[in-house]
C-alpha atoms as a PDB file:
ATOM      1  CA  MET A   1      22.118  -4.373  23.430  1.00  0.00           C
ATOM      2  CA  ASP A   2      24.862  -1.966  24.805  1.00  0.00           C
ATOM      3  CA  SER A   3      22.834   1.390  24.291  1.00  0.00           C
ATOM      4  CA  LEU A   4      19.551   0.074  26.108  1.00  0.00           C
ATOM      5  CA  LEU A   5      21.556  -0.698  29.321  1.00  0.00           C
ATOM      6  CA  LYS A   6      21.932   2.866  29.980  1.00  0.00           C
ATOM      7  CA  TYR A   7      18.292   2.800  30.817  1.00  0.00           C
ATOM      8  CA  LEU A   8      18.185   1.019  33.892  1.00  0.00           C
ATOM      9  CA  PRO A   9      19.679   1.205  37.681  1.00  0.00           C
ATOM     10  CA  LEU A  10      23.095   0.393  37.192  1.00  0.00           C
ATOM     11  CA  ARG A  11      22.615  -2.768  39.529  1.00  0.00           C
ATOM     12  CA  LEU A  12      20.547  -4.389  37.116  1.00  0.00           C
ATOM     13  CA  SER A  13      22.657  -2.670  34.050  1.00  0.00           C
ATOM     14  CA  ARG A  14      25.492  -5.041  35.362  1.00  0.00           C
ATOM     15  CA  ALA A  15      23.912  -8.068  36.079  1.00  0.00           C
ATOM     16  CA  LEU A  16      23.491  -8.490  32.129  1.00  0.00           C
ATOM     17  CA  ALA A  17      26.925  -6.892  31.237  1.00  0.00           C
ATOM     18  CA  HIS A  18      28.597  -9.991  33.026  1.00  0.00           C
ATOM     19  CA  GLN A  19      26.485 -12.649  30.372  1.00  0.00           C
ATOM     20  CA  SER A  20      27.853 -12.974  27.212  1.00  0.00           C
ATOM     21  CA  ASP A  21      27.730 -11.785  24.238  1.00  0.00           C
ATOM     22  CA  SER A  22      26.177 -14.396  22.444  1.00  0.00           C
ATOM     23  CA  PHE A  23      23.527 -14.219  25.156  1.00  0.00           C
ATOM     24  CA  LEU A  24      22.958 -10.482  24.967  1.00  0.00           C
ATOM     25  CA  SER A  25      22.474 -10.613  20.890  1.00  0.00           C
ATOM     26  CA  ARG A  26      19.415 -12.706  21.246  1.00  0.00           C
ATOM     27  CA  ILE A  27      17.699 -10.490  23.891  1.00  0.00           C
ATOM     28  CA  THR A  28      14.425  -9.946  23.074  1.00  0.00           C
ATOM     29  CA  GLU A  29      13.250  -8.500  25.496  1.00  0.00           C
ATOM     30  CA  ILE A  30      13.980  -6.195  29.343  1.00  0.00           C
ATOM     31  CA  ARG A  31      11.302  -6.994  31.983  1.00  0.00           C
ATOM     32  CA  LEU A  32      11.058  -4.789  35.269  1.00  0.00           C
ATOM     33  CA  ARG A  33       8.753  -5.383  37.536  1.00  0.00           C
ATOM     34  CA  ASP A  34       7.770  -3.647  40.502  1.00  0.00           C
ATOM     35  CA  SER A  35       9.019  -6.620  43.986  1.00  0.00           C
ATOM     36  CA  LEU A  36       8.847  -9.628  41.072  1.00  0.00           C
ATOM     37  CA  PRO A  37      11.967 -10.544  39.559  1.00  0.00           C
ATOM     38  CA  PHE A  38      13.635  -9.029  37.193  1.00  0.00           C
ATOM     39  CA  SER A  39      13.920 -10.876  33.665  1.00  0.00           C
ATOM     40  CA  VAL A  40      14.701 -10.890  29.491  1.00  0.00           C
ATOM     41  CA  CYS A  41      13.453 -13.114  27.027  1.00  0.00           C
ATOM     42  CA  ILE A  42      14.871 -14.461  24.293  1.00  0.00           C
ATOM     43  CA  GLY A  43      11.526 -15.240  21.964  1.00  0.00           C
ATOM     44  CA  SER A  44       9.796 -17.191  24.616  1.00  0.00           C
ATOM     45  CA  GLU A  45      11.781 -18.349  26.778  1.00  0.00           C
ATOM     46  CA  SER A  46      11.964 -16.477  29.833  1.00  0.00           C
ATOM     47  CA  PHE A  47      15.471 -15.881  31.792  1.00  0.00           C
ATOM     48  CA  THR A  48      16.010 -14.508  35.444  1.00  0.00           C
ATOM     49  CA  LEU A  49      19.517 -13.513  36.981  1.00  0.00           C
ATOM     50  CA  ASP A  50      20.573 -13.680  40.430  1.00  0.00           C
ATOM     51  CA  GLU A  51      22.130 -11.280  42.588  1.00  0.00           C
ATOM     52  CA  ASN A  52      25.910 -12.858  41.452  1.00  0.00           C
ATOM     53  CA  ASN A  53      25.095 -12.142  38.095  1.00  0.00           C
ATOM     54  CA  GLU A  54      24.298 -16.042  36.834  1.00  0.00           C
ATOM     55  CA  LEU A  55      21.258 -16.979  35.552  1.00  0.00           C
ATOM     56  CA  SER A  56      18.923 -18.521  38.159  1.00  0.00           C
ATOM     57  CA  SER A  57      16.539 -19.935  38.618  1.00  0.00           C
ATOM     58  CA  LEU A  58      12.724 -17.697  39.303  1.00  0.00           C
ATOM     59  CA  SER A  59      12.768 -18.010  43.633  1.00  0.00           C
ATOM     60  CA  ASP A  60      17.013 -16.704  43.508  1.00  0.00           C
ATOM     61  CA  GLY A  61      16.003 -14.610  40.758  1.00  0.00           C
ATOM     62  CA  ILE A  62      17.093 -10.523  41.602  1.00  0.00           C
ATOM     63  CA  ILE A  63      13.995  -8.972  42.628  1.00  0.00           C
ATOM     64  CA  THR A  64      13.179  -5.483  40.571  1.00  0.00           C
ATOM     65  CA  THR A  65      12.129  -2.267  43.888  1.00  0.00           C
ATOM     66  CA  SER A  66       9.779   0.220  43.639  1.00  0.00           C
ATOM     67  CA  GLU A  67      13.071   2.391  43.196  1.00  0.00           C
ATOM     68  CA  ASP A  68      13.922   0.577  40.197  1.00  0.00           C
ATOM     69  CA  VAL A  69      11.425   0.854  37.852  1.00  0.00           C
ATOM     70  CA  ALA A  70      10.977   5.407  39.255  1.00  0.00           C
ATOM     71  CA  GLU A  71      14.660   4.628  37.729  1.00  0.00           C
ATOM     72  CA  CYS A  72      14.333   2.762  34.803  1.00  0.00           C
ATOM     73  CA  LEU A  73      11.136   5.169  33.621  1.00  0.00           C
ATOM     74  CA  GLU A  74      12.576   8.349  34.437  1.00  0.00           C
ATOM     75  CA  ARG A  75      16.307   7.272  31.554  1.00  0.00           C
ATOM     76  CA  LEU A  76      13.930   6.046  29.685  1.00  0.00           C
ATOM     77  CA  CYS A  77      11.723   9.743  29.330  1.00  0.00           C
ATOM     78  CA  SER A  78      15.576  11.533  29.862  1.00  0.00           C
ATOM     79  CA  SER A  79      13.492  13.230  32.949  1.00  0.00           C
ATOM     80  CA  SER A  80      10.981  14.554  31.213  1.00  0.00           C
ATOM     81  CA  LEU A  81       7.783  12.067  32.217  1.00  0.00           C
ATOM     82  CA  TYR A  82       5.184  15.527  30.782  1.00  0.00           C
ATOM     83  CA  SER A  83       7.366  14.594  27.101  1.00  0.00           C
ATOM     84  CA  PHE A  84       6.277  11.262  27.276  1.00  0.00           C
ATOM     85  CA  GLU A  85       2.033  11.538  29.113  1.00  0.00           C
ATOM     86  CA  GLU A  86       0.974  11.070  25.676  1.00  0.00           C
ATOM     87  CA  THR A  87       2.884   8.054  24.930  1.00  0.00           C
ATOM     88  CA  ILE A  88       3.067   6.214  28.161  1.00  0.00           C
ATOM     89  CA  LYS A  89      -1.295   7.126  27.895  1.00  0.00           C
ATOM     90  CA  ASN A  90      -0.913   4.382  25.120  1.00  0.00           C
ATOM     91  CA  GLY A  91       1.380   2.258  27.059  1.00  0.00           C
ATOM     92  CA  PHE A  92       4.971   2.867  25.574  1.00  0.00           C
ATOM     93  CA  ILE A  93       7.835   5.124  25.451  1.00  0.00           C
ATOM     94  CA  PRO A  94       9.827   5.180  21.823  1.00  0.00           C
ATOM     95  CA  LEU A  95      13.577   5.195  22.095  1.00  0.00           C
ATOM     96  CA  GLU A  96      16.366   5.262  19.161  1.00  0.00           C
ATOM     97  CA  ARG A  97      16.546   2.885  16.918  1.00  0.00           C
ATOM     98  CA  GLY A  98      13.793   1.113  16.919  1.00  0.00           C
ATOM     99  CA  CYS A  99      13.453   0.240  20.352  1.00  0.00           C
ATOM    100  CA  ARG A 100      10.183   0.648  22.913  1.00  0.00           C
ATOM    101  CA  ALA A 101       9.913   0.285  26.066  1.00  0.00           C
ATOM    102  CA  GLY A 102       6.097  -0.991  26.825  1.00  0.00           C
ATOM    103  CA  VAL A 103       4.769   0.400  30.324  1.00  0.00           C
ATOM    104  CA  CYS A 104       1.789  -0.565  32.481  1.00  0.00           C
ATOM    105  CA  GLY A 105       0.428   0.114  36.141  1.00  0.00           C
ATOM    106  CA  GLU A 106      -2.553   1.821  37.956  1.00  0.00           C
ATOM    107  CA  PHE A 107      -4.411   5.290  36.113  1.00  0.00           C
ATOM    108  CA  THR A 108      -7.060   7.285  36.751  1.00  0.00           C
ATOM    109  CA  LEU A 109      -9.834   8.792  35.534  1.00  0.00           C
ATOM    110  CA  SER A 110     -10.011  12.745  35.626  1.00  0.00           C
ATOM    111  CA  GLU A 111     -13.205  14.032  36.414  1.00  0.00           C
ATOM    112  CA  SER A 112     -13.207  15.302  32.895  1.00  0.00           C
ATOM    113  CA  GLY A 113     -13.115  10.873  32.069  1.00  0.00           C
ATOM    114  CA  VAL A 114      -9.156  11.141  30.887  1.00  0.00           C
ATOM    115  CA  LEU A 115      -6.873   8.549  31.800  1.00  0.00           C
ATOM    116  CA  THR A 116      -3.718   9.225  32.570  1.00  0.00           C
ATOM    117  CA  PRO A 117      -0.981   6.861  34.360  1.00  0.00           C
ATOM    118  CA  SER A 118      -0.756   7.789  38.003  1.00  0.00           C
ATOM    119  CA  ARG A 119       2.101   4.861  38.849  1.00  0.00           C
ATOM    120  CA  ILE A 120       4.432   2.701  36.474  1.00  0.00           C
ATOM    121  CA  THR A 121       4.641  -0.648  38.164  1.00  0.00           C
ATOM    122  CA  ALA A 122       6.504  -3.028  34.657  1.00  0.00           C
ATOM    123  CA  ILE A 123       8.242  -2.023  32.297  1.00  0.00           C
ATOM    124  CA  ASN A 124       9.866  -3.879  29.296  1.00  0.00           C
ATOM    125  CA  ILE A 125      12.074  -3.004  27.432  1.00  0.00           C
ATOM    126  CA  ARG A 126      11.736  -4.151  23.441  1.00  0.00           C
ATOM    127  CA  VAL A 127      15.380  -4.606  22.412  1.00  0.00           C
ATOM    128  CA  MET A 128      15.333  -3.942  18.380  1.00  0.00           C
ATOM    129  CA  HIS A 129      16.801  -6.350  15.832  1.00  0.00           C
ATOM    130  CA  LEU A 130      17.755  -6.293  12.130  1.00  0.00           C
ATOM    131  CA  LYS A 131      18.464  -9.867   9.911  1.00  0.00           C
ATOM    132  CA  ARG A 132      18.424  -8.045   6.669  1.00  0.00           C
ATOM    133  CA  GLU A 133      18.596 -11.312   4.671  1.00  0.00           C
ATOM    134  CA  PHE A 134      15.132 -12.484   6.915  1.00  0.00           C
ATOM    135  CA  GLY A 135      12.574 -12.123   4.475  1.00  0.00           C
ATOM    136  CA  LYS A 136      14.334 -13.487   1.597  1.00  0.00           C
ATOM    137  CA  LYS A 137      12.181 -16.625   1.695  1.00  0.00           C
ATOM    138  CA  LEU A 138       9.608 -14.435   1.691  1.00  0.00           C
ATOM    139  CA  CYS A 139      11.253 -12.696  -2.105  1.00  0.00           C
ATOM    140  CA  LEU A 140      11.643 -15.347  -3.390  1.00  0.00           C
ATOM    141  CA  HIS A 141       7.885 -16.397  -3.097  1.00  0.00           C
ATOM    142  CA  TYR A 142       7.290 -12.697  -4.379  1.00  0.00           C
ATOM    143  CA  ARG A 143      10.000 -13.680  -7.784  1.00  0.00           C
ATOM    144  CA  LYS A 144       8.149 -17.013  -8.291  1.00  0.00           C
ATOM    145  CA  ASN A 145       3.791 -15.805  -7.756  1.00  0.00           C
ATOM    146  CA  GLY A 146       4.386 -11.626  -8.122  1.00  0.00           C
ATOM    147  CA  LEU A 147       4.611  -9.557  -5.380  1.00  0.00           C
ATOM    148  CA  SER A 148       1.265  -9.585  -3.360  1.00  0.00           C
ATOM    149  CA  ASP A 149      -1.268  -8.598  -0.740  1.00  0.00           C
ATOM    150  CA  THR A 150       0.420 -10.264   2.485  1.00  0.00           C
ATOM    151  CA  LEU A 151      -0.437 -10.460   5.626  1.00  0.00           C
ATOM    152  CA  VAL A 152       2.329 -11.592   8.634  1.00  0.00           C
ATOM    153  CA  ILE A 153       0.890 -13.767  11.037  1.00  0.00           C
ATOM    154  CA  SER A 154       3.238 -13.891  14.331  1.00  0.00           C
ATOM    155  CA  PRO A 155       2.797 -14.535  17.976  1.00  0.00           C
ATOM    156  CA  PRO A 156       4.999 -11.311  20.628  1.00  0.00           C
ATOM    157  CA  SER A 157       8.843 -11.800  19.840  1.00  0.00           C
ATOM    158  CA  PHE A 158       8.501 -14.611  17.543  1.00  0.00           C
ATOM    159  CA  GLY A 159       9.731 -11.954  14.653  1.00  0.00           C
ATOM    160  CA  LYS A 160       7.871 -10.187  12.912  1.00  0.00           C
ATOM    161  CA  THR A 161       8.849  -6.684  13.187  1.00  0.00           C
ATOM    162  CA  THR A 162      12.003  -7.812  12.499  1.00  0.00           C
ATOM    163  CA  LEU A 163      10.258 -10.038   9.057  1.00  0.00           C
ATOM    164  CA  LEU A 164       8.510  -5.918   8.012  1.00  0.00           C
ATOM    165  CA  ARG A 165      11.882  -4.538   8.315  1.00  0.00           C
ATOM    166  CA  SER A 166      13.519  -6.740   6.360  1.00  0.00           C
ATOM    167  CA  VAL A 167      11.068  -6.527   3.488  1.00  0.00           C
ATOM    168  CA  ALA A 168      10.809  -3.841   3.665  1.00  0.00           C
ATOM    169  CA  THR A 169      14.704  -2.924   2.635  1.00  0.00           C
ATOM    170  CA  LEU A 170      14.920  -5.839   0.408  1.00  0.00           C
ATOM    171  CA  LEU A 171      11.941  -3.972  -1.508  1.00  0.00           C
ATOM    172  CA  CYS A 172      13.012  -0.761  -1.434  1.00  0.00           C
ATOM    173  CA  GLU A 173      16.713  -1.987  -3.001  1.00  0.00           C
ATOM    174  CA  GLY A 174      15.567  -3.984  -5.376  1.00  0.00           C
ATOM    175  CA  GLU A 175      15.447  -7.493  -4.578  1.00  0.00           C
ATOM    176  CA  LEU A 176      12.712  -8.021  -6.785  1.00  0.00           C
ATOM    177  CA  GLY A 177      14.570  -6.381  -9.777  1.00  0.00           C
ATOM    178  CA  ALA A 178      13.521  -2.816  -9.563  1.00  0.00           C
ATOM    179  CA  PRO A 179      13.437  -1.589  -6.747  1.00  0.00           C
ATOM    180  CA  LEU A 180       9.949  -0.451  -5.397  1.00  0.00           C
ATOM    181  CA  LYS A 181       8.929   2.639  -4.091  1.00  0.00           C
ATOM    182  CA  THR A 182       8.043   1.644  -0.509  1.00  0.00           C
ATOM    183  CA  ALA A 183       6.519   3.670   2.334  1.00  0.00           C
ATOM    184  CA  ILE A 184       6.336   2.436   5.500  1.00  0.00           C
ATOM    185  CA  VAL A 185       3.551   3.139   7.956  1.00  0.00           C
ATOM    186  CA  ASP A 186       5.013   3.064  12.110  1.00  0.00           C
ATOM    187  CA  GLU A 187       3.206   4.624  14.365  1.00  0.00           C
ATOM    188  CA  ARG A 188       4.685   3.207  17.760  1.00  0.00           C
ATOM    189  CA  ARG A 189       8.216   4.201  15.546  1.00  0.00           C
ATOM    190  CA  GLU A 190       9.716   0.976  15.893  1.00  0.00           C
ATOM    191  CA  LEU A 191       9.368  -0.452  12.380  1.00  0.00           C
ATOM    192  CA  TYR A 192      12.052   1.727  10.649  1.00  0.00           C
ATOM    193  CA  VAL A 193      15.365   2.082  11.702  1.00  0.00           C
ATOM    194  CA  LYS A 194      17.150   5.586  10.110  1.00  0.00           C
ATOM    195  CA  GLY A 195      20.484   4.249   8.287  1.00  0.00           C
ATOM    196  CA  MET A 196      18.720   0.587   7.863  1.00  0.00           C
ATOM    197  CA  THR A 197      18.327   1.253   3.806  1.00  0.00           C
ATOM    198  CA  ARG A 198      19.394   3.742   1.356  1.00  0.00           C
ATOM    199  CA  GLY A 199      16.920   2.217  -0.740  1.00  0.00           C
ATOM    200  CA  LEU A 200      13.584   4.264  -2.186  1.00  0.00           C
ATOM    201  CA  ILE A 201      12.036   4.318   1.281  1.00  0.00           C
ATOM    202  CA  ASP A 202       8.983   6.855   3.108  1.00  0.00           C
ATOM    203  CA  VAL A 203       8.643   6.966   6.253  1.00  0.00           C
ATOM    204  CA  ILE A 204       5.106   7.891   8.750  1.00  0.00           C
ATOM    205  CA  SER A 205       5.835   8.112  12.278  1.00  0.00           C
ATOM    206  CA  GLY A 206       3.615   8.861  15.325  1.00  0.00           C
ATOM    207  CA  CYS A 207       0.532   9.268  13.850  1.00  0.00           C
ATOM    208  CA  PRO A 208      -2.778   7.104  13.584  1.00  0.00           C
ATOM    209  CA  LYS A 209      -2.211   3.695  11.274  1.00  0.00           C
ATOM    210  CA  GLY A 210      -5.335   4.382   9.238  1.00  0.00           C
ATOM    211  CA  TYR A 211      -4.704   7.951   9.419  1.00  0.00           C
ATOM    212  CA  ALA A 212      -0.800   7.161   7.582  1.00  0.00           C
ATOM    213  CA  ILE A 213      -2.387   4.301   4.892  1.00  0.00           C
ATOM    214  CA  GLU A 214      -4.502   6.782   3.365  1.00  0.00           C
ATOM    215  CA  LEU A 215      -1.962   9.686   3.754  1.00  0.00           C
ATOM    216  CA  MET A 216       1.066   7.910   2.314  1.00  0.00           C
ATOM    217  CA  THR A 217      -2.105   6.313  -0.079  1.00  0.00           C
ATOM    218  CA  ARG A 218      -2.646  10.034  -1.835  1.00  0.00           C
ATOM    219  CA  THR A 219       0.369  11.535  -1.642  1.00  0.00           C
ATOM    220  CA  MET A 220       3.674   9.348  -1.669  1.00  0.00           C
ATOM    221  CA  SER A 221       2.697   6.755  -5.270  1.00  0.00           C
ATOM    222  CA  PRO A 222       3.680   4.168  -2.961  1.00  0.00           C
ATOM    223  CA  ASP A 223       4.152   0.984  -4.108  1.00  0.00           C
ATOM    224  CA  ALA A 224       4.072  -0.937  -1.164  1.00  0.00           C
ATOM    225  CA  ILE A 225       2.928   0.253   1.946  1.00  0.00           C
ATOM    226  CA  ILE A 226       4.445  -1.718   5.342  1.00  0.00           C
ATOM    227  CA  CYS A 227       2.642  -1.664   8.649  1.00  0.00           C
ATOM    228  CA  ASP A 228       2.738  -4.122  12.031  1.00  0.00           C
ATOM    229  CA  GLU A 229      -0.688  -4.858  14.052  1.00  0.00           C
ATOM    230  CA  ILE A 230      -2.997  -4.139  12.384  1.00  0.00           C
ATOM    231  CA  SER A 231      -6.641  -4.024  13.837  1.00  0.00           C
ATOM    232  CA  ALA A 232     -10.323  -3.650  12.935  1.00  0.00           C
ATOM    233  CA  ASN A 233      -9.749   0.632  12.831  1.00  0.00           C
ATOM    234  CA  GLU A 234      -7.229   0.325   9.493  1.00  0.00           C
ATOM    235  CA  CYS A 235      -9.504  -2.313   7.278  1.00  0.00           C
ATOM    236  CA  GLU A 236     -11.364   0.737   5.111  1.00  0.00           C
ATOM    237  CA  ALA A 237      -7.738   2.630   5.193  1.00  0.00           C
ATOM    238  CA  ILE A 238      -6.128  -1.196   3.850  1.00  0.00           C
ATOM    239  CA  LYS A 239      -9.633  -1.460   1.531  1.00  0.00           C
ATOM    240  CA  ASN A 240      -9.223   1.789  -0.273  1.00  0.00           C
ATOM    241  CA  SER A 241      -5.398   1.698  -0.491  1.00  0.00           C
ATOM    242  CA  ARG A 242      -5.367  -1.367  -2.080  1.00  0.00           C
ATOM    243  CA  GLY A 243      -8.043  -0.282  -4.571  1.00  0.00           C
ATOM    244  CA  SER A 244      -5.092   2.084  -5.327  1.00  0.00           C
ATOM    245  CA  GLY A 245      -3.273  -0.853  -6.687  1.00  0.00           C
ATOM    246  CA  ILE A 246      -0.682  -0.406  -3.670  1.00  0.00           C
ATOM    247  CA  VAL A 247       0.319  -4.140  -2.312  1.00  0.00           C
ATOM    248  CA  PHE A 248       0.427  -4.062   1.548  1.00  0.00           C
ATOM    249  CA  ILE A 249       1.995  -6.113   3.816  1.00  0.00           C
ATOM    250  CA  ALA A 250       0.938  -5.833   7.289  1.00  0.00           C
ATOM    251  CA  SER A 251       0.915  -8.033  10.621  1.00  0.00           C
ATOM    252  CA  ILE A 252      -0.869  -8.806  13.269  1.00  0.00           C
ATOM    253  CA  HIS A 253      -0.739 -10.932  16.539  1.00  0.00           C
ATOM    254  CA  SER A 254      -1.577 -14.674  16.641  1.00  0.00           C
ATOM    255  CA  SER A 255      -0.291 -17.955  17.672  1.00  0.00           C
ATOM    256  CA  SER A 256      -1.560 -19.525  14.275  1.00  0.00           C
ATOM    257  CA  LEU A 257      -3.393 -19.108  10.968  1.00  0.00           C
ATOM    258  CA  LYS A 258      -6.624 -20.745  12.418  1.00  0.00           C
ATOM    259  CA  GLN A 259      -6.734 -18.451  15.680  1.00  0.00           C
ATOM    260  CA  ALA A 260      -6.460 -15.897  13.391  1.00  0.00           C
ATOM    261  CA  LEU A 261      -9.615 -16.568  11.253  1.00  0.00           C
ATOM    262  CA  SER A 262     -10.997 -16.533  14.434  1.00  0.00           C
ATOM    263  CA  ARG A 263     -10.924 -12.706  14.481  1.00  0.00           C
ATOM    264  CA  PRO A 264     -13.810 -11.177  12.968  1.00  0.00           C
ATOM    265  CA  PHE A 265     -11.987  -8.284  11.029  1.00  0.00           C
ATOM    266  CA  VAL A 266      -8.979 -10.865   9.555  1.00  0.00           C
ATOM    267  CA  ARG A 267     -11.324 -13.331   8.734  1.00  0.00           C
ATOM    268  CA  SER A 268     -13.737 -10.219   7.181  1.00  0.00           C
ATOM    269  CA  LEU A 269     -10.428  -9.199   4.710  1.00  0.00           C
ATOM    270  CA  ILE A 270      -9.159 -13.258   4.019  1.00  0.00           C
ATOM    271  CA  LEU A 271     -13.150 -13.605   2.896  1.00  0.00           C
ATOM    272  CA  GLU A 272     -12.881  -9.933   0.548  1.00  0.00           C
ATOM    273  CA  GLY A 273      -9.622 -11.723  -0.964  1.00  0.00           C
ATOM    274  CA  VAL A 274      -7.789  -8.225   0.801  1.00  0.00           C
ATOM    275  CA  PHE A 275      -5.187 -10.545   1.321  1.00  0.00           C
ATOM    276  CA  GLU A 276      -3.682 -13.765  -1.322  1.00  0.00           C
ATOM    277  CA  THR A 277      -0.217 -14.576   1.246  1.00  0.00           C
ATOM    278  CA  PHE A 278       0.670 -15.651   4.672  1.00  0.00           C
ATOM    279  CA  VAL A 279       3.428 -15.964   6.029  1.00  0.00           C
ATOM    280  CA  VAL A 280       3.159 -17.901   9.829  1.00  0.00           C
ATOM    281  CA  ILE A 281       6.050 -17.381  12.006  1.00  0.00           C
ATOM    282  CA  LYS A 282       7.794 -20.040  14.403  1.00  0.00           C
ATOM    283  CA  LYS A 283      10.191 -20.219  16.934  1.00  0.00           C
ATOM    284  CA  ASP A 284      14.065 -19.612  16.362  1.00  0.00           C
ATOM    285  CA  TYR A 285      13.194 -16.745  12.922  1.00  0.00           C
ATOM    286  CA  SER A 286      12.219 -19.019  11.022  1.00  0.00           C
ATOM    287  CA  TYR A 287       8.568 -19.347   9.063  1.00  0.00           C
ATOM    288  CA  ASP A 288       6.631 -20.910   6.162  1.00  0.00           C
ATOM    289  CA  VAL A 289       4.813 -18.976   3.042  1.00  0.00           C
ATOM    290  CA  PHE A 290       0.810 -19.757   2.232  1.00  0.00           C
ATOM    291  CA  SER A 291      -0.927 -18.361  -0.585  1.00  0.00           C
ATOM    292  CA  ALA A 292      -4.584 -18.300  -0.316  1.00  0.00           C
ATOM    293  CA  ASP A 293      -5.370 -20.959  -2.910  1.00  0.00           C
ATOM    294  CA  GLU A 294      -3.252 -23.098   0.286  1.00  0.00           C
ATOM    295  CA  LEU A 295      -5.830 -21.962   3.368  1.00  0.00           C
ATOM    296  CA  LYS A 296      -8.138 -25.149   2.907  1.00  0.00           C
ATOM    297  CA  LYS A 297      -5.046 -27.357   3.520  1.00  0.00           C
ATOM    298  CA  ILE A 298      -3.924 -25.118   7.027  1.00  0.00           C
END
């Protein structure tokens, strides 16, 4: 957390610095919104702080100014907004150690049809958590049933990226016996954290997931590919990867397996037998593991 406070204006970083270590260690997001209360999230819960640096009601919370947002943005970009123009167009700024800042605001459409950000009004600094043992339960399922293509289903901020990071670490270090050649596809530079493992891991970051999956399949001969937040754009690459005998472990945002099945591309992948194991993450870093045969019981 200390490494992220440097991105905040002083009055906001002071408000956080006054909180207990226990509270700070559980923060998953730090939110700045122009002319609205400064807040932090722990999982799905939001908290505001008052001018006395105490947890407060929404009405008494510190109001973030446009100057606060501008100062935070400048710090996130190391005073070089131009250097991050391309990622900002896609709504984020990559930070060190797997953290990321999401941004939104006003965009302008140029005569050539290119959208460019003209004013950022909100920033969401997402806090990375390393929980090495988080994936143990899923690995136990693999031990009993064999390593299988897996879809992780989770609402935002419930720990899906933390789970994928843990599973990647455990697999590449030999949790299932021999260490597996594990590939991480990290388009937004938030899944892999340098130094998180000394196992057999390869990482490709900063490029579209579909292309990265195909590249890893052709060049790195992985046993497993791990990827966060897939969409319909990656379906063909995922199918081709599986055809090469590679196990695929991926995630999507959804509040339940039932809701996930309502999305056409997810339903298509499941009906075609692409995924055999399903993980549904719940609050407080817990999750359930299901096999494809158990889908009808849910």
